[in-house]
């Protein structure tokens, strides 16, 4: 499967619910440390070089950045949004700023009805950090569907890539296939992540249809 995208546009940066986009559409959020390549991953998924801002200075994403994606005709879900969440764990960002991001991300992940999937982004070159493991446990606790993308795979020798993915899988207690190795320069891992995205959108739509039927039968 090679996903075909008709258009992708930046929508808005928001720090709270009042700024979140209106109108129902499934949303996929990207979480991770400040220097793991979340923006590069998002850009590669939608086939745009600079849609999500890629900065040489980690910690620059200080709000929730929403991107609208329109898929080509023929997909069950044509319109969705991708959300770049503020990175965590960068020591040079002021403590007050880091403390502000926590509630902002928490309110979105726990309170946004449109959120159908979280992609936890880790750096394949090193084991998941304690913060990554805490984030994984929290996503599990709040009941949000999630997967892991192990980025920067191109910076590892090919003989070590499989072991790096397995290491992340074990640390985060995920099943086979739930950690997707990813390389933006090589466009490796793009289709597997899109399969998870489309499956999550489809599952959310099925649940919505069931809820509508139950509401109508009361």
N, C-alpha and C. Protein backbone atom coordinates (compact mmCIF):
# COMPACT_ATOMS: atom_id res chain seq x y z
N UNK A 1 0.84 -1.20 0.00
CA UNK A 1 0.00 0.00 0.00
C UNK A 1 0.87 1.24 0.00
N UNK A 2 0.61 2.13 -0.95
CA UNK A 2 1.28 3.42 -0.94
C UNK A 2 0.20 4.48 -0.85
N UNK A 3 0.12 5.15 0.28
CA UNK A 3 -0.97 6.09 0.53
C UNK A 3 -0.89 7.27 -0.43
N UNK A 4 -2.04 7.70 -0.93
CA UNK A 4 -2.10 8.81 -1.86
C UNK A 4 -2.78 10.00 -1.18
N UNK A 5 -2.07 11.10 -1.11
CA UNK A 5 -2.56 12.28 -0.40
C UNK A 5 -2.89 13.38 -1.40
N UNK A 6 -4.10 13.88 -1.31
CA UNK A 6 -4.54 14.94 -2.22
C UNK A 6 -4.04 16.30 -1.75
N UNK A 7 -4.08 16.52 -0.44
CA UNK A 7 -3.64 17.82 0.08
C UNK A 7 -3.34 17.72 1.56
N UNK A 8 -2.44 18.56 2.03
CA UNK A 8 -2.14 18.65 3.46
C UNK A 8 -1.84 20.10 3.77
N UNK A 9 -2.51 20.65 4.76
CA UNK A 9 -2.35 22.06 5.09
C UNK A 9 -2.25 22.25 6.59
N UNK A 10 -1.44 23.22 7.00
CA UNK A 10 -1.35 23.58 8.41
C UNK A 10 -2.63 24.32 8.79
N UNK A 11 -3.23 23.91 9.93
CA UNK A 11 -4.47 24.53 10.37
C UNK A 11 -4.25 25.61 11.42
N UNK A 12 -3.71 25.20 12.58
CA UNK A 12 -3.63 26.14 13.69
C UNK A 12 -2.70 25.61 14.77
N UNK A 13 -2.11 26.52 15.53
CA UNK A 13 -1.41 26.19 16.77
C UNK A 13 -2.31 26.58 17.92
N UNK A 14 -2.43 25.71 18.91
CA UNK A 14 -3.35 25.98 20.01
C UNK A 14 -2.73 25.52 21.33
N UNK A 15 -3.04 26.26 22.39
CA UNK A 15 -2.55 25.90 23.72
C UNK A 15 -3.66 25.41 24.63
N UNK A 16 -4.89 25.39 24.13
CA UNK A 16 -6.00 24.92 24.97
C UNK A 16 -7.21 24.60 24.13
N UNK A 17 -8.24 24.03 24.74
CA UNK A 17 -9.44 23.58 24.02
C UNK A 17 -10.10 24.65 23.17
N UNK A 18 -10.04 25.91 23.59
CA UNK A 18 -10.70 26.97 22.81
C UNK A 18 -10.07 27.13 21.44
N UNK A 19 -8.82 26.73 21.30
CA UNK A 19 -8.14 26.87 20.03
C UNK A 19 -8.15 25.63 19.16
N UNK A 20 -8.67 24.53 19.69
CA UNK A 20 -8.69 23.29 18.91
C UNK A 20 -9.65 23.45 17.73
N UNK A 21 -9.34 22.83 16.58
CA UNK A 21 -10.22 22.95 15.41
C UNK A 21 -11.63 22.44 15.69
N UNK A 22 -12.59 23.11 15.10
CA UNK A 22 -13.99 22.69 15.20
C UNK A 22 -14.30 21.73 14.06
N UNK A 23 -15.39 21.01 14.20
CA UNK A 23 -15.79 20.07 13.17
C UNK A 23 -15.17 18.70 13.41
N UNK A 24 -15.97 17.66 13.25
CA UNK A 24 -15.52 16.32 13.56
C UNK A 24 -14.61 15.78 12.46
N UNK A 25 -13.47 15.25 12.89
CA UNK A 25 -12.54 14.54 12.00
C UNK A 25 -11.61 13.73 12.88
N UNK A 26 -11.26 12.52 12.49
CA UNK A 26 -10.34 11.73 13.31
C UNK A 26 -8.98 12.41 13.39
N UNK A 27 -8.37 12.33 14.58
CA UNK A 27 -7.07 12.97 14.80
C UNK A 27 -6.05 11.94 15.27
N UNK A 28 -4.82 12.10 14.77
CA UNK A 28 -3.70 11.27 15.15
C UNK A 28 -2.64 12.18 15.74
N UNK A 29 -2.23 11.92 16.99
CA UNK A 29 -1.28 12.78 17.68
C UNK A 29 0.09 12.13 17.73
N UNK A 30 1.14 12.96 17.70
CA UNK A 30 2.52 12.49 17.74
C UNK A 30 3.18 13.04 19.00
N UNK A 31 3.62 12.11 19.87
CA UNK A 31 4.22 12.48 21.15
C UNK A 31 5.64 11.93 21.21
N UNK A 32 6.49 12.59 22.00
CA UNK A 32 7.85 12.09 22.16
C UNK A 32 8.79 13.17 22.66
N UNK A 33 10.03 12.79 22.88
CA UNK A 33 11.03 13.73 23.33
C UNK A 33 11.26 14.80 22.27
N UNK A 34 11.87 15.90 22.71
CA UNK A 34 12.00 17.07 21.84
C UNK A 34 12.92 16.85 20.65
N UNK A 35 13.79 15.86 20.69
CA UNK A 35 14.80 15.72 19.64
C UNK A 35 14.72 14.39 18.89
N UNK A 36 13.52 13.80 18.83
CA UNK A 36 13.42 12.47 18.21
C UNK A 36 12.92 12.50 16.78
N UNK A 37 12.57 13.68 16.26
CA UNK A 37 12.15 13.76 14.87
C UNK A 37 10.66 13.65 14.64
N UNK A 38 9.84 14.17 15.57
CA UNK A 38 8.38 14.11 15.39
C UNK A 38 7.95 14.88 14.15
N UNK A 39 8.48 16.09 13.99
CA UNK A 39 8.08 16.91 12.84
C UNK A 39 8.53 16.29 11.53
N UNK A 40 9.73 15.73 11.51
CA UNK A 40 10.21 15.06 10.28
C UNK A 40 9.34 13.87 9.94
N UNK A 41 8.91 13.13 10.96
CA UNK A 41 8.03 11.99 10.75
C UNK A 41 6.71 12.44 10.16
N UNK A 42 6.11 13.48 10.74
CA UNK A 42 4.83 13.97 10.25
C UNK A 42 4.96 14.46 8.81
N UNK A 43 6.02 15.22 8.52
CA UNK A 43 6.24 15.71 7.15
C UNK A 43 6.36 14.56 6.16
N UNK A 44 7.09 13.52 6.55
CA UNK A 44 7.29 12.37 5.66
C UNK A 44 5.98 11.63 5.43
N UNK A 45 5.14 11.53 6.45
CA UNK A 45 3.87 10.82 6.31
C UNK A 45 2.95 11.51 5.32
N UNK A 46 2.95 12.84 5.33
CA UNK A 46 2.05 13.58 4.43
C UNK A 46 2.73 14.00 3.13
N UNK A 47 4.01 13.67 2.98
CA UNK A 47 4.70 13.97 1.74
C UNK A 47 4.99 15.44 1.53
N UNK A 48 5.24 16.16 2.61
CA UNK A 48 5.59 17.57 2.53
C UNK A 48 6.89 17.80 3.27
N UNK A 49 7.74 18.70 2.75
CA UNK A 49 9.06 18.89 3.35
C UNK A 49 9.05 19.81 4.56
N UNK A 50 8.13 20.74 4.63
CA UNK A 50 8.19 21.73 5.71
C UNK A 50 6.83 22.09 6.26
N UNK A 51 5.90 21.14 6.24
CA UNK A 51 4.56 21.44 6.76
C UNK A 51 4.59 21.57 8.27
N UNK A 52 5.19 20.59 8.94
CA UNK A 52 5.44 20.70 10.38
C UNK A 52 6.85 21.25 10.54
N UNK A 53 7.01 22.19 11.44
CA UNK A 53 8.28 22.87 11.57
C UNK A 53 9.36 21.94 12.11
N UNK A 54 10.49 21.88 11.39
CA UNK A 54 11.65 21.10 11.83
C UNK A 54 12.70 22.09 12.30
N UNK A 55 13.03 22.06 13.56
CA UNK A 55 13.98 23.02 14.12
C UNK A 55 15.27 22.32 14.53
N UNK A 56 16.37 23.05 14.40
CA UNK A 56 17.66 22.52 14.86
C UNK A 56 17.79 22.64 16.37
N UNK A 57 16.87 23.37 16.99
CA UNK A 57 16.88 23.55 18.44
C UNK A 57 15.72 22.79 19.05
N UNK A 58 15.97 21.70 19.77
CA UNK A 58 14.87 20.94 20.39
C UNK A 58 14.06 21.80 21.35
N UNK A 59 12.78 21.47 21.49
CA UNK A 59 11.93 22.18 22.44
C UNK A 59 11.21 23.37 21.86
N UNK A 60 11.27 23.56 20.52
CA UNK A 60 10.63 24.72 19.91
C UNK A 60 9.12 24.57 19.76
N UNK A 61 8.61 23.34 19.73
CA UNK A 61 7.17 23.14 19.61
C UNK A 61 6.54 23.40 20.98
N UNK A 62 5.87 24.54 21.11
CA UNK A 62 5.35 24.96 22.41
C UNK A 62 3.83 25.00 22.45
N UNK A 63 3.21 24.42 21.46
CA UNK A 63 1.76 24.36 21.41
C UNK A 63 1.37 23.10 20.65
N UNK A 64 0.07 22.85 20.55
CA UNK A 64 -0.41 21.74 19.75
C UNK A 64 -0.59 22.24 18.32
N UNK A 65 0.11 21.64 17.37
CA UNK A 65 0.06 22.08 15.99
C UNK A 65 -0.78 21.11 15.17
N UNK A 66 -1.87 21.61 14.60
CA UNK A 66 -2.84 20.79 13.87
C UNK A 66 -2.62 20.90 12.36
N UNK A 67 -2.57 19.76 11.70
CA UNK A 67 -2.42 19.69 10.25
C UNK A 67 -3.60 18.92 9.68
N UNK A 68 -4.24 19.47 8.67
CA UNK A 68 -5.37 18.80 8.02
C UNK A 68 -4.86 18.02 6.81
N UNK A 69 -5.27 16.76 6.71
CA UNK A 69 -4.82 15.88 5.62
C UNK A 69 -6.03 15.38 4.85
N UNK A 70 -6.00 15.56 3.54
CA UNK A 70 -7.07 15.08 2.68
C UNK A 70 -6.50 13.98 1.79
N UNK A 71 -7.04 12.77 1.95
CA UNK A 71 -6.59 11.64 1.16
C UNK A 71 -7.30 11.61 -0.19
N UNK A 72 -6.68 10.93 -1.15
CA UNK A 72 -7.28 10.82 -2.47
C UNK A 72 -8.58 10.02 -2.39
N UNK A 73 -9.41 10.14 -3.39
CA UNK A 73 -10.68 9.43 -3.42
C UNK A 73 -10.44 7.92 -3.38
N UNK A 74 -11.34 7.23 -2.70
CA UNK A 74 -11.25 5.78 -2.63
C UNK A 74 -10.94 5.25 -1.25
N UNK A 75 -10.45 6.11 -0.35
CA UNK A 75 -10.17 5.67 1.02
C UNK A 75 -11.43 5.84 1.88
N UNK A 76 -11.70 4.89 2.79
CA UNK A 76 -12.88 5.01 3.66
C UNK A 76 -12.89 6.31 4.45
N UNK A 77 -11.70 6.72 4.91
CA UNK A 77 -11.56 8.00 5.60
C UNK A 77 -10.78 8.93 4.69
N UNK A 78 -11.40 10.02 4.26
CA UNK A 78 -10.71 10.93 3.34
C UNK A 78 -10.06 12.10 4.07
N UNK A 79 -10.68 12.55 5.15
CA UNK A 79 -10.18 13.73 5.85
C UNK A 79 -9.82 13.39 7.29
N UNK A 80 -8.63 13.76 7.71
CA UNK A 80 -8.21 13.57 9.09
C UNK A 80 -7.26 14.68 9.48
N UNK A 81 -6.95 14.73 10.76
CA UNK A 81 -5.99 15.73 11.25
C UNK A 81 -4.85 15.04 11.96
N UNK A 82 -3.65 15.58 11.80
CA UNK A 82 -2.48 15.12 12.53
C UNK A 82 -2.04 16.24 13.47
N UNK A 83 -1.63 15.84 14.68
CA UNK A 83 -1.35 16.82 15.73
C UNK A 83 0.06 16.59 16.29
N UNK A 84 0.89 17.59 16.14
CA UNK A 84 2.26 17.56 16.67
C UNK A 84 2.23 18.11 18.09
N UNK A 85 2.45 17.25 19.08
CA UNK A 85 2.41 17.66 20.48
C UNK A 85 3.77 18.21 20.92
N UNK A 86 3.80 19.10 21.91
CA UNK A 86 5.08 19.61 22.42
C UNK A 86 5.96 18.46 22.91
N UNK A 87 7.25 18.53 22.60
CA UNK A 87 8.18 17.50 23.05
C UNK A 87 8.44 17.60 24.53
N UNK A 88 8.88 16.51 25.11
CA UNK A 88 9.17 16.51 26.55
C UNK A 88 10.63 16.14 26.78
N UNK A 89 11.12 16.50 27.96
CA UNK A 89 12.42 16.02 28.40
C UNK A 89 13.62 16.83 27.97
N UNK A 90 13.43 18.02 27.38
CA UNK A 90 14.60 18.80 26.97
C UNK A 90 15.00 19.74 28.10
N UNK A 91 16.15 19.51 28.67
CA UNK A 91 16.55 20.17 29.92
C UNK A 91 16.71 21.68 29.76
N UNK A 92 17.07 22.17 28.56
CA UNK A 92 17.34 23.60 28.41
C UNK A 92 16.08 24.45 28.33
N UNK A 93 14.91 23.81 28.19
CA UNK A 93 13.66 24.55 28.25
C UNK A 93 13.35 24.86 29.71
N UNK A 94 12.91 26.07 29.98
CA UNK A 94 12.64 26.48 31.35
C UNK A 94 11.65 25.53 32.02
N UNK A 95 11.88 25.28 33.32
CA UNK A 95 11.01 24.37 34.07
C UNK A 95 9.56 24.84 34.01
N UNK A 96 9.33 26.14 34.11
CA UNK A 96 7.97 26.66 34.09
C UNK A 96 7.29 26.33 32.76
N UNK A 97 8.09 26.38 31.66
CA UNK A 97 7.54 26.05 30.35
C UNK A 97 7.20 24.58 30.26
N UNK A 98 8.09 23.73 30.76
CA UNK A 98 7.83 22.29 30.73
C UNK A 98 6.60 21.94 31.56
N UNK A 99 6.44 22.61 32.69
CA UNK A 99 5.29 22.34 33.56
C UNK A 99 3.98 22.78 32.90
N UNK A 100 4.07 23.79 32.05
CA UNK A 100 2.87 24.26 31.34
C UNK A 100 2.46 23.27 30.25
N UNK A 101 3.45 22.65 29.61
CA UNK A 101 3.14 21.71 28.54
C UNK A 101 2.41 20.48 29.05
N UNK A 102 2.76 20.00 30.25
CA UNK A 102 2.16 18.78 30.78
C UNK A 102 0.65 18.83 30.81
N UNK A 103 0.04 19.81 31.50
CA UNK A 103 -1.42 19.89 31.53
C UNK A 103 -2.03 20.12 30.15
N UNK A 104 -1.31 20.84 29.28
CA UNK A 104 -1.82 21.10 27.93
C UNK A 104 -1.96 19.79 27.16
N UNK A 105 -0.93 18.95 27.21
CA UNK A 105 -0.97 17.66 26.52
C UNK A 105 -1.98 16.73 27.19
N UNK A 106 -2.00 16.73 28.52
CA UNK A 106 -2.91 15.85 29.25
C UNK A 106 -4.37 16.17 28.93
N UNK A 107 -4.71 17.46 28.89
CA UNK A 107 -6.10 17.83 28.61
C UNK A 107 -6.49 17.41 27.20
N UNK A 108 -5.55 17.48 26.27
CA UNK A 108 -5.87 17.07 24.90
C UNK A 108 -6.03 15.55 24.81
N UNK A 109 -5.06 14.81 25.32
CA UNK A 109 -5.09 13.35 25.18
C UNK A 109 -6.29 12.74 25.90
N UNK A 110 -6.63 13.26 27.06
CA UNK A 110 -7.74 12.67 27.83
C UNK A 110 -9.09 13.24 27.44
N UNK A 111 -9.12 14.44 26.85
CA UNK A 111 -10.40 15.10 26.65
C UNK A 111 -10.83 15.30 25.21
N UNK A 112 -10.01 14.94 24.26
CA UNK A 112 -10.36 15.19 22.85
C UNK A 112 -11.07 13.98 22.26
N UNK A 113 -12.36 14.13 21.98
CA UNK A 113 -13.15 13.01 21.45
C UNK A 113 -12.66 12.56 20.08
N UNK A 114 -12.09 13.47 19.30
CA UNK A 114 -11.68 13.15 17.94
C UNK A 114 -10.37 12.35 17.88
N UNK A 115 -9.64 12.26 18.98
CA UNK A 115 -8.35 11.57 18.97
C UNK A 115 -8.56 10.07 18.84
N UNK A 116 -7.99 9.47 17.79
CA UNK A 116 -8.18 8.03 17.56
C UNK A 116 -6.90 7.23 17.73
N UNK A 117 -5.73 7.90 17.70
CA UNK A 117 -4.47 7.17 17.80
C UNK A 117 -3.37 8.12 18.24
N UNK A 118 -2.48 7.62 19.11
CA UNK A 118 -1.27 8.36 19.48
C UNK A 118 -0.07 7.58 18.98
N UNK A 119 0.84 8.26 18.30
CA UNK A 119 2.09 7.66 17.86
C UNK A 119 3.19 8.17 18.78
N UNK A 120 3.72 7.27 19.61
CA UNK A 120 4.82 7.62 20.50
C UNK A 120 6.12 7.47 19.71
N UNK A 121 6.86 8.57 19.58
CA UNK A 121 8.06 8.60 18.75
C UNK A 121 9.30 8.49 19.62
N UNK A 122 10.15 7.52 19.33
CA UNK A 122 11.40 7.34 20.06
C UNK A 122 12.55 7.30 19.06
N UNK A 123 13.75 7.51 19.55
CA UNK A 123 14.96 7.48 18.74
C UNK A 123 15.49 6.05 18.71
N UNK A 124 15.54 5.45 17.52
CA UNK A 124 15.95 4.05 17.39
C UNK A 124 17.40 3.82 17.82
N UNK A 125 18.19 4.88 17.88
CA UNK A 125 19.62 4.71 18.17
C UNK A 125 19.91 4.45 19.64
N UNK A 126 18.91 4.66 20.49
CA UNK A 126 19.13 4.45 21.93
C UNK A 126 17.88 3.86 22.56
N UNK A 127 18.01 3.20 23.71
CA UNK A 127 16.83 2.62 24.36
C UNK A 127 15.81 3.70 24.74
N UNK A 128 14.53 3.36 24.77
CA UNK A 128 13.52 4.32 25.24
C UNK A 128 13.90 4.84 26.63
N UNK A 129 13.73 6.14 26.82
CA UNK A 129 14.08 6.76 28.10
C UNK A 129 13.03 6.45 29.16
N UNK A 130 13.34 6.82 30.38
CA UNK A 130 12.37 6.65 31.47
C UNK A 130 11.11 7.46 31.18
N UNK A 131 11.28 8.64 30.58
CA UNK A 131 10.12 9.46 30.24
C UNK A 131 9.28 8.79 29.16
N UNK A 132 9.93 8.16 28.18
CA UNK A 132 9.19 7.43 27.16
C UNK A 132 8.37 6.30 27.78
N UNK A 133 8.99 5.58 28.71
CA UNK A 133 8.31 4.45 29.36
C UNK A 133 7.13 4.96 30.20
N UNK A 134 7.32 6.09 30.87
CA UNK A 134 6.22 6.68 31.63
C UNK A 134 5.08 7.11 30.71
N UNK A 135 5.43 7.70 29.56
CA UNK A 135 4.41 8.12 28.60
C UNK A 135 3.63 6.91 28.09
N UNK A 136 4.34 5.83 27.78
CA UNK A 136 3.69 4.61 27.31
C UNK A 136 2.73 4.07 28.36
N UNK A 137 3.17 4.04 29.60
CA UNK A 137 2.31 3.54 30.68
C UNK A 137 1.08 4.42 30.86
N UNK A 138 1.27 5.73 30.71
CA UNK A 138 0.15 6.66 30.87
C UNK A 138 -0.87 6.48 29.74
N UNK A 139 -0.40 6.33 28.51
CA UNK A 139 -1.31 6.11 27.39
C UNK A 139 -2.12 4.83 27.60
N UNK A 140 -1.45 3.82 28.12
CA UNK A 140 -2.14 2.56 28.42
C UNK A 140 -3.19 2.78 29.52
N UNK A 141 -2.83 3.56 30.51
CA UNK A 141 -3.72 3.80 31.65
C UNK A 141 -4.98 4.56 31.24
N UNK A 142 -4.81 5.58 30.38
CA UNK A 142 -5.97 6.39 29.99
C UNK A 142 -6.77 5.74 28.86
N UNK A 143 -6.26 4.63 28.33
CA UNK A 143 -7.02 3.87 27.36
C UNK A 143 -7.00 4.38 25.94
N UNK A 144 -5.97 5.14 25.58
CA UNK A 144 -5.87 5.61 24.21
C UNK A 144 -5.12 4.59 23.35
N UNK A 145 -5.64 4.26 22.17
CA UNK A 145 -4.89 3.40 21.25
C UNK A 145 -3.58 4.08 20.88
N UNK A 146 -2.49 3.31 20.85
CA UNK A 146 -1.22 3.92 20.51
C UNK A 146 -0.27 2.89 19.92
N UNK A 147 0.68 3.40 19.16
CA UNK A 147 1.78 2.60 18.63
C UNK A 147 3.06 3.38 18.84
N UNK A 148 4.19 2.78 18.49
CA UNK A 148 5.48 3.46 18.62
C UNK A 148 6.17 3.50 17.26
N UNK A 149 6.76 4.65 16.95
CA UNK A 149 7.60 4.79 15.76
C UNK A 149 9.03 5.02 16.23
N UNK A 150 9.93 4.12 15.84
CA UNK A 150 11.35 4.24 16.18
C UNK A 150 12.06 4.92 15.01
N UNK A 151 12.34 6.22 15.16
CA UNK A 151 12.83 7.03 14.06
C UNK A 151 14.36 7.00 13.94
N UNK A 152 14.83 7.67 12.89
CA UNK A 152 16.27 7.83 12.62
C UNK A 152 16.94 6.48 12.37
N UNK A 153 16.17 5.55 11.83
CA UNK A 153 16.71 4.22 11.57
C UNK A 153 17.85 4.27 10.55
N UNK A 154 17.83 5.27 9.67
CA UNK A 154 18.87 5.39 8.66
C UNK A 154 20.24 5.69 9.26
N UNK A 155 20.28 6.13 10.51
CA UNK A 155 21.55 6.43 11.17
C UNK A 155 22.17 5.20 11.82
N UNK A 156 21.49 4.07 11.70
CA UNK A 156 22.02 2.80 12.21
C UNK A 156 22.43 1.90 11.06
N UNK A 157 23.46 1.07 11.25
CA UNK A 157 23.78 0.06 10.24
C UNK A 157 22.59 -0.88 10.05
N UNK A 158 22.39 -1.35 8.85
CA UNK A 158 21.24 -2.21 8.57
C UNK A 158 21.24 -3.46 9.45
N UNK A 159 22.41 -3.92 9.82
CA UNK A 159 22.50 -5.13 10.64
C UNK A 159 22.01 -4.91 12.07
N UNK A 160 21.87 -3.64 12.49
CA UNK A 160 21.46 -3.35 13.87
C UNK A 160 20.03 -2.82 13.97
N UNK A 161 19.38 -2.64 12.87
CA UNK A 161 18.06 -2.01 12.89
C UNK A 161 17.00 -2.89 13.54
N UNK A 162 16.97 -4.14 13.20
CA UNK A 162 15.97 -5.05 13.76
C UNK A 162 16.11 -5.15 15.27
N UNK A 163 17.36 -5.21 15.76
CA UNK A 163 17.59 -5.29 17.20
C UNK A 163 17.13 -4.03 17.90
N UNK A 164 17.30 -2.87 17.25
CA UNK A 164 16.87 -1.60 17.85
C UNK A 164 15.36 -1.55 18.01
N UNK A 165 14.65 -2.04 17.00
CA UNK A 165 13.18 -2.08 17.07
C UNK A 165 12.73 -3.05 18.17
N UNK A 166 13.38 -4.20 18.26
CA UNK A 166 13.05 -5.18 19.30
C UNK A 166 13.32 -4.61 20.69
N UNK A 167 14.38 -3.83 20.81
CA UNK A 167 14.71 -3.22 22.11
C UNK A 167 13.61 -2.28 22.55
N UNK A 168 13.13 -1.45 21.64
CA UNK A 168 12.03 -0.53 21.96
C UNK A 168 10.76 -1.31 22.28
N UNK A 169 10.51 -2.36 21.55
CA UNK A 169 9.32 -3.18 21.77
C UNK A 169 9.32 -3.77 23.18
N UNK A 170 10.47 -4.28 23.59
CA UNK A 170 10.56 -4.87 24.92
C UNK A 170 10.43 -3.85 26.02
N UNK A 171 11.10 -2.70 25.87
CA UNK A 171 11.07 -1.66 26.90
C UNK A 171 9.67 -1.09 27.09
N UNK A 172 8.92 -0.98 25.99
CA UNK A 172 7.59 -0.38 26.05
C UNK A 172 6.48 -1.42 26.19
N UNK A 173 6.86 -2.69 26.26
CA UNK A 173 5.92 -3.80 26.45
C UNK A 173 4.85 -3.84 25.38
N UNK A 174 5.32 -3.79 24.12
CA UNK A 174 4.42 -3.84 22.99
C UNK A 174 4.55 -5.17 22.26
N UNK A 175 3.52 -5.51 21.50
CA UNK A 175 3.52 -6.76 20.74
C UNK A 175 4.28 -6.57 19.43
N UNK A 176 4.57 -7.69 18.78
CA UNK A 176 5.23 -7.64 17.48
C UNK A 176 4.43 -6.76 16.52
N UNK A 177 5.14 -5.88 15.82
CA UNK A 177 4.50 -5.02 14.84
C UNK A 177 4.04 -3.69 15.38
N UNK A 178 3.95 -3.55 16.70
CA UNK A 178 3.47 -2.29 17.27
C UNK A 178 4.57 -1.25 17.42
N UNK A 179 5.80 -1.63 17.18
CA UNK A 179 6.90 -0.67 17.04
C UNK A 179 7.31 -0.69 15.58
N UNK A 180 7.16 0.44 14.93
CA UNK A 180 7.47 0.54 13.50
C UNK A 180 8.79 1.28 13.33
N UNK A 181 9.78 0.62 12.76
CA UNK A 181 11.03 1.30 12.44
C UNK A 181 10.80 2.31 11.33
N UNK A 182 11.39 3.50 11.48
CA UNK A 182 11.09 4.58 10.53
C UNK A 182 12.34 5.36 10.15
N UNK A 183 12.43 5.72 8.88
CA UNK A 183 13.49 6.59 8.39
C UNK A 183 12.87 7.59 7.43
N UNK A 184 12.93 8.88 7.77
CA UNK A 184 12.38 9.91 6.88
C UNK A 184 13.16 9.99 5.57
N UNK A 185 14.51 10.03 5.59
CA UNK A 185 15.24 10.11 4.31
C UNK A 185 15.00 8.92 3.40
N UNK A 186 14.83 7.74 3.98
CA UNK A 186 14.63 6.54 3.17
C UNK A 186 13.15 6.25 2.92
N UNK A 187 12.25 7.04 3.53
CA UNK A 187 10.80 6.80 3.45
C UNK A 187 10.45 5.39 3.90
N UNK A 188 11.24 4.85 4.79
CA UNK A 188 11.02 3.50 5.31
C UNK A 188 10.07 3.56 6.50
N UNK A 189 9.06 2.69 6.51
CA UNK A 189 8.12 2.64 7.62
C UNK A 189 6.88 3.49 7.41
N UNK A 190 6.82 4.25 6.34
CA UNK A 190 5.68 5.14 6.10
C UNK A 190 4.38 4.37 5.93
N UNK A 191 4.39 3.35 5.08
CA UNK A 191 3.16 2.60 4.83
C UNK A 191 2.65 1.84 6.05
N UNK A 192 3.51 1.18 6.85
CA UNK A 192 3.00 0.52 8.05
C UNK A 192 2.33 1.48 9.04
N UNK A 193 2.91 2.67 9.20
CA UNK A 193 2.28 3.64 10.10
C UNK A 193 0.93 4.08 9.54
N UNK A 194 0.85 4.29 8.24
CA UNK A 194 -0.43 4.67 7.64
C UNK A 194 -1.48 3.58 7.81
N UNK A 195 -1.06 2.32 7.76
CA UNK A 195 -2.03 1.24 7.98
C UNK A 195 -2.64 1.34 9.37
N UNK A 196 -1.80 1.61 10.37
CA UNK A 196 -2.33 1.80 11.73
C UNK A 196 -3.27 3.01 11.79
N UNK A 197 -2.90 4.08 11.11
CA UNK A 197 -3.73 5.29 11.12
C UNK A 197 -5.11 5.01 10.52
N UNK A 198 -5.13 4.37 9.36
CA UNK A 198 -6.40 4.09 8.70
C UNK A 198 -7.24 3.10 9.48
N UNK A 199 -6.59 2.10 10.09
CA UNK A 199 -7.33 1.15 10.93
C UNK A 199 -7.95 1.85 12.13
N UNK A 200 -7.20 2.78 12.75
CA UNK A 200 -7.73 3.52 13.90
C UNK A 200 -8.91 4.39 13.50
N UNK A 201 -8.82 5.03 12.33
CA UNK A 201 -9.92 5.85 11.84
C UNK A 201 -11.15 4.98 11.58
N UNK A 202 -10.93 3.82 11.00
CA UNK A 202 -12.04 2.91 10.69
C UNK A 202 -12.71 2.40 11.97
N UNK A 203 -11.90 2.04 12.96
CA UNK A 203 -12.45 1.55 14.23
C UNK A 203 -13.25 2.64 14.93
N UNK A 204 -12.72 3.88 14.90
CA UNK A 204 -13.42 4.98 15.55
C UNK A 204 -14.76 5.25 14.86
N UNK A 205 -14.79 5.14 13.53
CA UNK A 205 -16.04 5.36 12.81
C UNK A 205 -17.05 4.28 13.13
N UNK A 206 -16.57 3.03 13.27
CA UNK A 206 -17.47 1.92 13.61
C UNK A 206 -18.08 2.14 14.99
N UNK A 207 -17.25 2.59 15.95
CA UNK A 207 -17.77 2.86 17.30
C UNK A 207 -18.79 3.99 17.27
N UNK A 208 -18.51 5.01 16.46
CA UNK A 208 -19.43 6.14 16.35
C UNK A 208 -20.76 5.71 15.76
N UNK A 209 -20.70 4.84 14.74
CA UNK A 209 -21.94 4.35 14.13
C UNK A 209 -22.75 3.53 15.13
N UNK A 210 -22.08 2.71 15.94
CA UNK A 210 -22.76 1.90 16.94
C UNK A 210 -23.41 2.79 18.00
N UNK A 211 -22.69 3.82 18.43
CA UNK A 211 -23.24 4.75 19.43
C UNK A 211 -24.48 5.45 18.88
N UNK A 212 -24.42 5.81 17.59
CA UNK A 212 -25.56 6.49 16.96
C UNK A 212 -26.78 5.57 16.93
N UNK A 213 -26.55 4.29 16.60
CA UNK A 213 -27.66 3.33 16.56
C UNK A 213 -28.28 3.13 17.94
N UNK A 214 -27.41 3.03 18.96
CA UNK A 214 -27.92 2.85 20.32
C UNK A 214 -28.70 4.07 20.78
N UNK A 215 -28.21 5.25 20.42
CA UNK A 215 -28.90 6.48 20.81
C UNK A 215 -30.27 6.54 20.15
N UNK A 216 -30.32 6.10 18.89
CA UNK A 216 -31.58 6.15 18.15
C UNK A 216 -32.60 5.13 18.62
N UNK A 217 -32.15 4.06 19.26
CA UNK A 217 -33.08 3.01 19.71
C UNK A 217 -33.65 3.30 21.10
N UNK A 218 -33.16 4.34 21.75
CA UNK A 218 -33.66 4.63 23.11
C UNK A 218 -34.98 5.38 23.07
